[in-house]
Amino acid sequence: MTGTLLERYRTQAGACNVEFLFGAISVLTELDGKIRQSSNQRLLVELGLMKIAGLGQKKNDTLTSPGSIRFPN
């Protein structure tokens, strides 16, 4: 890794709080367990990315709260 790239990663990592990172890891873990069985893997990945993007939203926003998106089995 170059010094510039490493510095950019450090800057980006500093912008994320621990709660967001653990939430994203949780979403990815749930997704990993279901993606192999899914008939529409792309949709499942897109829903997972949307769920991660919504982790920083207000908790009272029912349309984007992390628990409002359920992955299909």
PDB file of N, CA and C in Angstrom:
ATOM      1  N   MET A   1       0.832  -1.179   0.000  1.00  0.00           N
ATOM      2  CA  MET A   1       0.000   0.000   0.000  1.00  0.00           C
ATOM      3  C   MET A   1       0.882   1.251   0.000  1.00  0.00           C
ATOM      4  N   THR A   2       0.472   2.219  -0.753  1.00  0.00           N
ATOM      5  CA  THR A   2       1.217   3.478  -0.760  1.00  0.00           C
ATOM      6  C   THR A   2       0.825   4.316   0.446  1.00  0.00           C
ATOM      7  N   GLY A   3       1.662   5.262   0.800  1.00  0.00           N
ATOM      8  CA  GLY A   3       1.376   6.128   1.935  1.00  0.00           C
ATOM      9  C   GLY A   3       0.107   6.935   1.749  1.00  0.00           C
ATOM     10  N   THR A   4      -0.149   7.371   0.516  1.00  0.00           N
ATOM     11  CA  THR A   4      -1.347   8.153   0.228  1.00  0.00           C
ATOM     12  C   THR A   4      -2.605   7.320   0.440  1.00  0.00           C
ATOM     13  N   LEU A   5      -2.579   6.097  -0.048  1.00  0.00           N
ATOM     14  CA  LEU A   5      -3.729   5.211   0.103  1.00  0.00           C
ATOM     15  C   LEU A   5      -3.967   4.869   1.567  1.00  0.00           C
ATOM     16  N   LEU A   6      -2.907   4.597   2.289  1.00  0.00           N
ATOM     17  CA  LEU A   6      -3.015   4.285   3.709  1.00  0.00           C
ATOM     18  C   LEU A   6      -3.612   5.464   4.477  1.00  0.00           C
ATOM     19  N   GLU A   7      -3.173   6.657   4.154  1.00  0.00           N
ATOM     20  CA  GLU A   7      -3.702   7.853   4.821  1.00  0.00           C
ATOM     21  C   GLU A   7      -5.186   8.050   4.501  1.00  0.00           C
ATOM     22  N   ARG A   8      -5.572   7.775   3.263  1.00  0.00           N
ATOM     23  CA  ARG A   8      -6.989   7.901   2.898  1.00  0.00           C
ATOM     24  C   ARG A   8      -7.824   6.893   3.669  1.00  0.00           C
ATOM     25  N   TYR A   9      -7.330   5.658   3.813  1.00  0.00           N
ATOM     26  CA  TYR A   9      -8.047   4.648   4.595  1.00  0.00           C
ATOM     27  C   TYR A   9      -8.181   5.067   6.054  1.00  0.00           C
ATOM     28  N   ARG A  10      -7.131   5.639   6.614  1.00  0.00           N
ATOM     29  CA  ARG A  10      -7.188   6.100   8.004  1.00  0.00           C
ATOM     30  C   ARG A  10      -8.215   7.220   8.168  1.00  0.00           C
ATOM     31  N   THR A  11      -8.256   8.126   7.227  1.00  0.00           N
ATOM     32  CA  THR A  11      -9.224   9.230   7.279  1.00  0.00           C
ATOM     33  C   THR A  11     -10.650   8.697   7.204  1.00  0.00           C
ATOM     34  N   GLN A  12     -10.879   7.775   6.280  1.00  0.00           N
ATOM     35  CA  GLN A  12     -12.219   7.190   6.138  1.00  0.00           C
ATOM     36  C   GLN A  12     -12.602   6.395   7.370  1.00  0.00           C
ATOM     37  N   ALA A  13     -11.679   5.650   7.938  1.00  0.00           N
ATOM     38  CA  ALA A  13     -11.957   4.861   9.139  1.00  0.00           C
ATOM     39  C   ALA A  13     -12.294   5.766  10.311  1.00  0.00           C
ATOM     40  N   GLY A  14     -11.641   6.906  10.388  1.00  0.00           N
ATOM     41  CA  GLY A  14     -11.915   7.849  11.464  1.00  0.00           C
ATOM     42  C   GLY A  14     -13.303   8.466  11.372  1.00  0.00           C
ATOM     43  N   ALA A  15     -13.869   8.484  10.172  1.00  0.00           N
ATOM     44  CA  ALA A  15     -15.197   9.065   9.980  1.00  0.00           C
ATOM     45  C   ALA A  15     -16.319   8.107  10.395  1.00  0.00           C
ATOM     46  N   CYS A  16     -16.015   6.833  10.582  1.00  0.00           N
ATOM     47  CA  CYS A  16     -17.024   5.832  10.954  1.00  0.00           C
ATOM     48  C   CYS A  16     -16.984   5.602  12.461  1.00  0.00           C
ATOM     49  N   ASN A  17     -18.157   5.619  13.073  1.00  0.00           N
ATOM     50  CA  ASN A  17     -18.185   5.299  14.499  1.00  0.00           C
ATOM     51  C   ASN A  17     -18.293   3.786  14.684  1.00  0.00           C
ATOM     52  N   VAL A  18     -17.974   3.342  15.848  1.00  0.00           N
ATOM     53  CA  VAL A  18     -17.934   1.907  16.145  1.00  0.00           C
ATOM     54  C   VAL A  18     -19.305   1.261  15.983  1.00  0.00           C
ATOM     55  N   GLU A  19     -20.363   1.966  16.378  1.00  0.00           N
ATOM     56  CA  GLU A  19     -21.723   1.428  16.246  1.00  0.00           C
ATOM     57  C   GLU A  19     -22.047   1.130  14.787  1.00  0.00           C
ATOM     58  N   PHE A  20     -21.682   2.039  13.883  1.00  0.00           N
ATOM     59  CA  PHE A  20     -21.928   1.813  12.459  1.00  0.00           C
ATOM     60  C   PHE A  20     -21.158   0.596  11.960  1.00  0.00           C
ATOM     61  N   LEU A  21     -19.877   0.491  12.332  1.00  0.00           N
ATOM     62  CA  LEU A  21     -19.065  -0.624  11.867  1.00  0.00           C
ATOM     63  C   LEU A  21     -19.604  -1.967  12.340  1.00  0.00           C
ATOM     64  N   PHE A  22     -19.996  -2.047  13.613  1.00  0.00           N
ATOM     65  CA  PHE A  22     -20.565  -3.305  14.110  1.00  0.00           C
ATOM     66  C   PHE A  22     -21.907  -3.604  13.444  1.00  0.00           C
ATOM     67  N   GLY A  23     -22.695  -2.577  13.174  1.00  0.00           N
ATOM     68  CA  GLY A  23     -23.962  -2.768  12.468  1.00  0.00           C
ATOM     69  C   GLY A  23     -23.734  -3.297  11.061  1.00  0.00           C
ATOM     70  N   ALA A  24     -22.750  -2.729  10.368  1.00  0.00           N
ATOM     71  CA  ALA A  24     -22.438  -3.173   9.008  1.00  0.00           C
ATOM     72  C   ALA A  24     -21.933  -4.613   9.016  1.00  0.00           C
ATOM     73  N   ILE A  25     -21.094  -4.948   9.984  1.00  0.00           N
ATOM     74  CA  ILE A  25     -20.595  -6.327  10.092  1.00  0.00           C
ATOM     75  C   ILE A  25     -21.750  -7.284  10.357  1.00  0.00           C
ATOM     76  N   SER A  26     -22.692  -6.874  11.178  1.00  0.00           N
ATOM     77  CA  SER A  26     -23.855  -7.705  11.471  1.00  0.00           C
ATOM     78  C   SER A  26     -24.691  -7.951  10.210  1.00  0.00           C
ATOM     79  N   VAL A  27     -24.913  -6.887   9.442  1.00  0.00           N
ATOM     80  CA  VAL A  27     -25.676  -7.019   8.188  1.00  0.00           C
ATOM     81  C   VAL A  27     -24.949  -7.947   7.227  1.00  0.00           C
ATOM     82  N   LEU A  28     -23.649  -7.782   7.086  1.00  0.00           N
ATOM     83  CA  LEU A  28     -22.876  -8.618   6.169  1.00  0.00           C
ATOM     84  C   LEU A  28     -22.849 -10.078   6.611  1.00  0.00           C
ATOM     85  N   THR A  29     -22.795 -10.307   7.902  1.00  0.00           N
ATOM     86  CA  THR A  29     -22.820 -11.675   8.419  1.00  0.00           C
ATOM     87  C   THR A  29     -24.161 -12.336   8.112  1.00  0.00           C
ATOM     88  N   GLU A  30     -25.244 -11.594   8.335  1.00  0.00           N
ATOM     89  CA  GLU A  30     -26.577 -12.117   8.020  1.00  0.00           C
ATOM     90  C   GLU A  30     -26.703 -12.401   6.523  1.00  0.00           C
ATOM     91  N   LEU A  31     -26.199 -11.489   5.718  1.00  0.00           N
ATOM     92  CA  LEU A  31     -26.251 -11.631   4.270  1.00  0.00           C
ATOM     93  C   LEU A  31     -25.441 -12.839   3.803  1.00  0.00           C
ATOM     94  N   ASP A  32     -24.264 -13.017   4.365  1.00  0.00           N
ATOM     95  CA  ASP A  32     -23.401 -14.131   3.984  1.00  0.00           C
ATOM     96  C   ASP A  32     -24.085 -15.472   4.231  1.00  0.00           C
ATOM     97  N   GLY A  33     -24.831 -15.555   5.307  1.00  0.00           N
ATOM     98  CA  GLY A  33     -25.528 -16.800   5.620  1.00  0.00           C
ATOM     99  C   GLY A  33     -26.672 -17.122   4.674  1.00  0.00           C
ATOM    100  N   LYS A  34     -27.211 -16.103   4.011  1.00  0.00           N
ATOM    101  CA  LYS A  34     -28.379 -16.320   3.153  1.00  0.00           C
ATOM    102  C   LYS A  34     -28.071 -16.292   1.658  1.00  0.00           C
ATOM    103  N   ILE A  35     -26.948 -15.714   1.282  1.00  0.00           N
ATOM    104  CA  ILE A  35     -26.681 -15.501  -0.140  1.00  0.00           C
ATOM    105  C   ILE A  35     -26.487 -16.803  -0.910  1.00  0.00           C
ATOM    106  N   ARG A  36     -25.900 -17.796  -0.280  1.00  0.00           N
ATOM    107  CA  ARG A  36     -25.655 -19.067  -0.976  1.00  0.00           C
ATOM    108  C   ARG A  36     -26.946 -19.789  -1.328  1.00  0.00           C
ATOM    109  N   GLN A  37     -27.986 -19.573  -0.543  1.00  0.00           N
ATOM    110  CA  GLN A  37     -29.262 -20.247  -0.750  1.00  0.00           C
ATOM    111  C   GLN A  37     -30.214 -19.459  -1.639  1.00  0.00           C
ATOM    112  N   SER A  38     -29.879 -18.201  -1.905  1.00  0.00           N
ATOM    113  CA  SER A  38     -30.786 -17.310  -2.610  1.00  0.00           C
ATOM    114  C   SER A  38     -30.809 -17.584  -4.109  1.00  0.00           C
ATOM    115  N   SER A  39     -31.993 -17.476  -4.688  1.00  0.00           N
ATOM    116  CA  SER A  39     -32.112 -17.599  -6.134  1.00  0.00           C
ATOM    117  C   SER A  39     -31.858 -16.261  -6.821  1.00  0.00           C
ATOM    118  N   ASN A  40     -31.885 -15.159  -6.059  1.00  0.00           N
ATOM    119  CA  ASN A  40     -31.625 -13.839  -6.608  1.00  0.00           C
ATOM    120  C   ASN A  40     -30.555 -13.157  -5.753  1.00  0.00           C
ATOM    121  N   GLN A  41     -29.326 -13.574  -5.934  1.00  0.00           N
ATOM    122  CA  GLN A  41     -28.232 -13.103  -5.104  1.00  0.00           C
ATOM    123  C   GLN A  41     -27.976 -11.603  -5.274  1.00  0.00           C
ATOM    124  N   ARG A  42     -28.117 -11.108  -6.482  1.00  0.00           N
ATOM    125  CA  ARG A  42     -27.882  -9.679  -6.720  1.00  0.00           C
ATOM    126  C   ARG A  42     -28.853  -8.824  -5.921  1.00  0.00           C
ATOM    127  N   LEU A  43     -30.112  -9.186  -5.924  1.00  0.00           N
ATOM    128  CA  LEU A  43     -31.106  -8.439  -5.158  1.00  0.00           C
ATOM    129  C   LEU A  43     -30.777  -8.481  -3.673  1.00  0.00           C
ATOM    130  N   LEU A  44     -30.369  -9.613  -3.194  1.00  0.00           N
ATOM    131  CA  LEU A  44     -30.007  -9.766  -1.784  1.00  0.00           C
ATOM    132  C   LEU A  44     -28.830  -8.849  -1.417  1.00  0.00           C
ATOM    133  N   VAL A  45     -27.833  -8.788  -2.286  1.00  0.00           N
ATOM    134  CA  VAL A  45     -26.688  -7.907  -2.044  1.00  0.00           C
ATOM    135  C   VAL A  45     -27.135  -6.449  -2.063  1.00  0.00           C
ATOM    136  N   GLU A  46     -27.978  -6.075  -3.018  1.00  0.00           N
ATOM    137  CA  GLU A  46     -28.459  -4.696  -3.100  1.00  0.00           C
ATOM    138  C   GLU A  46     -29.263  -4.309  -1.859  1.00  0.00           C
ATOM    139  N   LEU A  47     -30.089  -5.214  -1.379  1.00  0.00           N
ATOM    140  CA  LEU A  47     -30.840  -4.943  -0.148  1.00  0.00           C
ATOM    141  C   LEU A  47     -29.902  -4.787   1.045  1.00  0.00           C
ATOM    142  N   GLY A  48     -28.869  -5.608   1.078  1.00  0.00           N
ATOM    143  CA  GLY A  48     -27.892  -5.499   2.154  1.00  0.00           C
ATOM    144  C   GLY A  48     -27.167  -4.161   2.133  1.00  0.00           C
ATOM    145  N   LEU A  49     -26.778  -3.708   0.947  1.00  0.00           N
ATOM    146  CA  LEU A  49     -26.113  -2.410   0.828  1.00  0.00           C
ATOM    147  C   LEU A  49     -27.047  -1.270   1.220  1.00  0.00           C
ATOM    148  N   MET A  50     -28.315  -1.395   0.859  1.00  0.00           N
ATOM    149  CA  MET A  50     -29.293  -0.375   1.259  1.00  0.00           C
ATOM    150  C   MET A  50     -29.448  -0.354   2.778  1.00  0.00           C
ATOM    151  N   LYS A  51     -29.444  -1.523   3.371  1.00  0.00           N
ATOM    152  CA  LYS A  51     -29.575  -1.610   4.821  1.00  0.00           C
ATOM    153  C   LYS A  51     -28.364  -0.976   5.508  1.00  0.00           C
ATOM    154  N   ILE A  52     -27.174  -1.229   4.993  1.00  0.00           N
ATOM    155  CA  ILE A  52     -25.965  -0.620   5.556  1.00  0.00           C
ATOM    156  C   ILE A  52     -26.008   0.895   5.381  1.00  0.00           C
ATOM    157  N   ALA A  53     -26.441   1.351   4.225  1.00  0.00           N
ATOM    158  CA  ALA A  53     -26.530   2.797   3.984  1.00  0.00           C
ATOM    159  C   ALA A  53     -27.513   3.456   4.943  1.00  0.00           C
ATOM    160  N   GLY A  54     -28.518   2.718   5.378  1.00  0.00           N
ATOM    161  CA  GLY A  54     -29.512   3.259   6.291  1.00  0.00           C
ATOM    162  C   GLY A  54     -29.124   3.210   7.753  1.00  0.00           C
ATOM    163  N   LEU A  55     -27.981   2.637   8.062  1.00  0.00           N
ATOM    164  CA  LEU A  55     -27.578   2.517   9.465  1.00  0.00           C
ATOM    165  C   LEU A  55     -27.400   3.872  10.135  1.00  0.00           C
ATOM    166  N   GLY A  56     -27.043   4.900   9.392  1.00  0.00           N
ATOM    167  CA  GLY A  56     -26.831   6.211   9.975  1.00  0.00           C
ATOM    168  C   GLY A  56     -28.077   7.060  10.062  1.00  0.00           C
ATOM    169  N   GLN A  57     -29.210   6.538   9.636  1.00  0.00           N
ATOM    170  CA  GLN A  57     -30.457   7.298   9.632  1.00  0.00           C
ATOM    171  C   GLN A  57     -31.041   7.403  11.035  1.00  0.00           C
ATOM    172  N   LYS A  58     -31.978   8.313  11.182  1.00  0.00           N
ATOM    173  CA  LYS A  58     -32.669   8.479  12.464  1.00  0.00           C
ATOM    174  C   LYS A  58     -33.399   7.195  12.826  1.00  0.00           C
ATOM    175  N   LYS A  59     -33.432   6.885  14.104  1.00  0.00           N
ATOM    176  CA  LYS A  59     -34.064   5.649  14.561  1.00  0.00           C
ATOM    177  C   LYS A  59     -35.571   5.657  14.364  1.00  0.00           C
ATOM    178  N   ASN A  60     -36.222   6.823  14.355  1.00  0.00           N
ATOM    179  CA  ASN A  60     -37.680   6.873  14.222  1.00  0.00           C
ATOM    180  C   ASN A  60     -38.150   6.883  12.774  1.00  0.00           C
ATOM    181  N   ASP A  61     -37.242   6.829  11.827  1.00  0.00           N
ATOM    182  CA  ASP A  61     -37.616   6.781  10.416  1.00  0.00           C
ATOM    183  C   ASP A  61     -37.883   5.320  10.050  1.00  0.00           C
ATOM    184  N   THR A  62     -39.144   4.935   9.979  1.00  0.00           N
ATOM    185  CA  THR A  62     -39.501   3.532   9.786  1.00  0.00           C
ATOM    186  C   THR A  62     -39.160   3.016   8.392  1.00  0.00           C
ATOM    187  N   LEU A  63     -39.002   3.907   7.416  1.00  0.00           N
ATOM    188  CA  LEU A  63     -38.686   3.437   6.079  1.00  0.00           C
ATOM    189  C   LEU A  63     -37.223   3.043   5.926  1.00  0.00           C
ATOM    190  N   THR A  64     -36.337   3.650   6.714  1.00  0.00           N
ATOM    191  CA  THR A  64     -34.922   3.372   6.543  1.00  0.00           C
ATOM    192  C   THR A  64     -34.250   2.792   7.779  1.00  0.00           C
ATOM    193  N   SER A  65     -35.025   2.506   8.818  1.00  0.00           N
ATOM    194  CA  SER A  65     -34.384   1.947  10.004  1.00  0.00           C
ATOM    195  C   SER A  65     -33.854   0.555   9.682  1.00  0.00           C
ATOM    196  N   PRO A  66     -32.696   0.203  10.249  1.00  0.00           N
ATOM    197  CA  PRO A  66     -32.041  -1.066   9.887  1.00  0.00           C
ATOM    198  C   PRO A  66     -32.921  -2.301  10.068  1.00  0.00           C
ATOM    199  N   GLY A  67     -33.795  -2.321  11.040  1.00  0.00           N
ATOM    200  CA  GLY A  67     -34.623  -3.491  11.274  1.00  0.00           C
ATOM    201  C   GLY A  67     -35.808  -3.609  10.338  1.00  0.00           C
ATOM    202  N   SER A  68     -36.054  -2.584   9.517  1.00  0.00           N
ATOM    203  CA  SER A  68     -37.256  -2.603   8.681  1.00  0.00           C
ATOM    204  C   SER A  68     -37.053  -3.403   7.393  1.00  0.00           C
ATOM    205  N   ILE A  69     -35.818  -3.698   7.015  1.00  0.00           N
ATOM    206  CA  ILE A  69     -35.558  -4.471   5.804  1.00  0.00           C
ATOM    207  C   ILE A  69     -35.243  -5.895   6.218  1.00  0.00           C
ATOM    208  N   ARG A  70     -36.040  -6.824   5.745  1.00  0.00           N
ATOM    209  CA  ARG A  70     -35.817  -8.240   6.048  1.00  0.00           C
ATOM    210  C   ARG A  70     -35.318  -8.936   4.798  1.00  0.00           C
ATOM    211  N   PHE A  71     -34.319  -9.765   4.957  1.00  0.00           N
ATOM    212  CA  PHE A  71     -33.811 -10.521   3.832  1.00  0.00           C
ATOM    213  C   PHE A  71     -34.691 -11.733   3.584  1.00  0.00           C
ATOM    214  N   PRO A  72     -35.000 -12.028   2.338  1.00  0.00           N
ATOM    215  CA  PRO A  72     -35.778 -13.230   2.043  1.00  0.00           C
ATOM    216  C   PRO A  72     -34.961 -14.483   2.310  1.00  0.00           C
ATOM    217  N   ASN A  73     -35.634 -15.574   2.622  1.00  0.00           N
ATOM    218  CA  ASN A  73     -34.931 -16.834   2.874  1.00  0.00           C
ATOM    219  C   ASN A  73     -34.703 -17.597   1.610  1.00  0.00           C
TER     220      ASN A  73
END
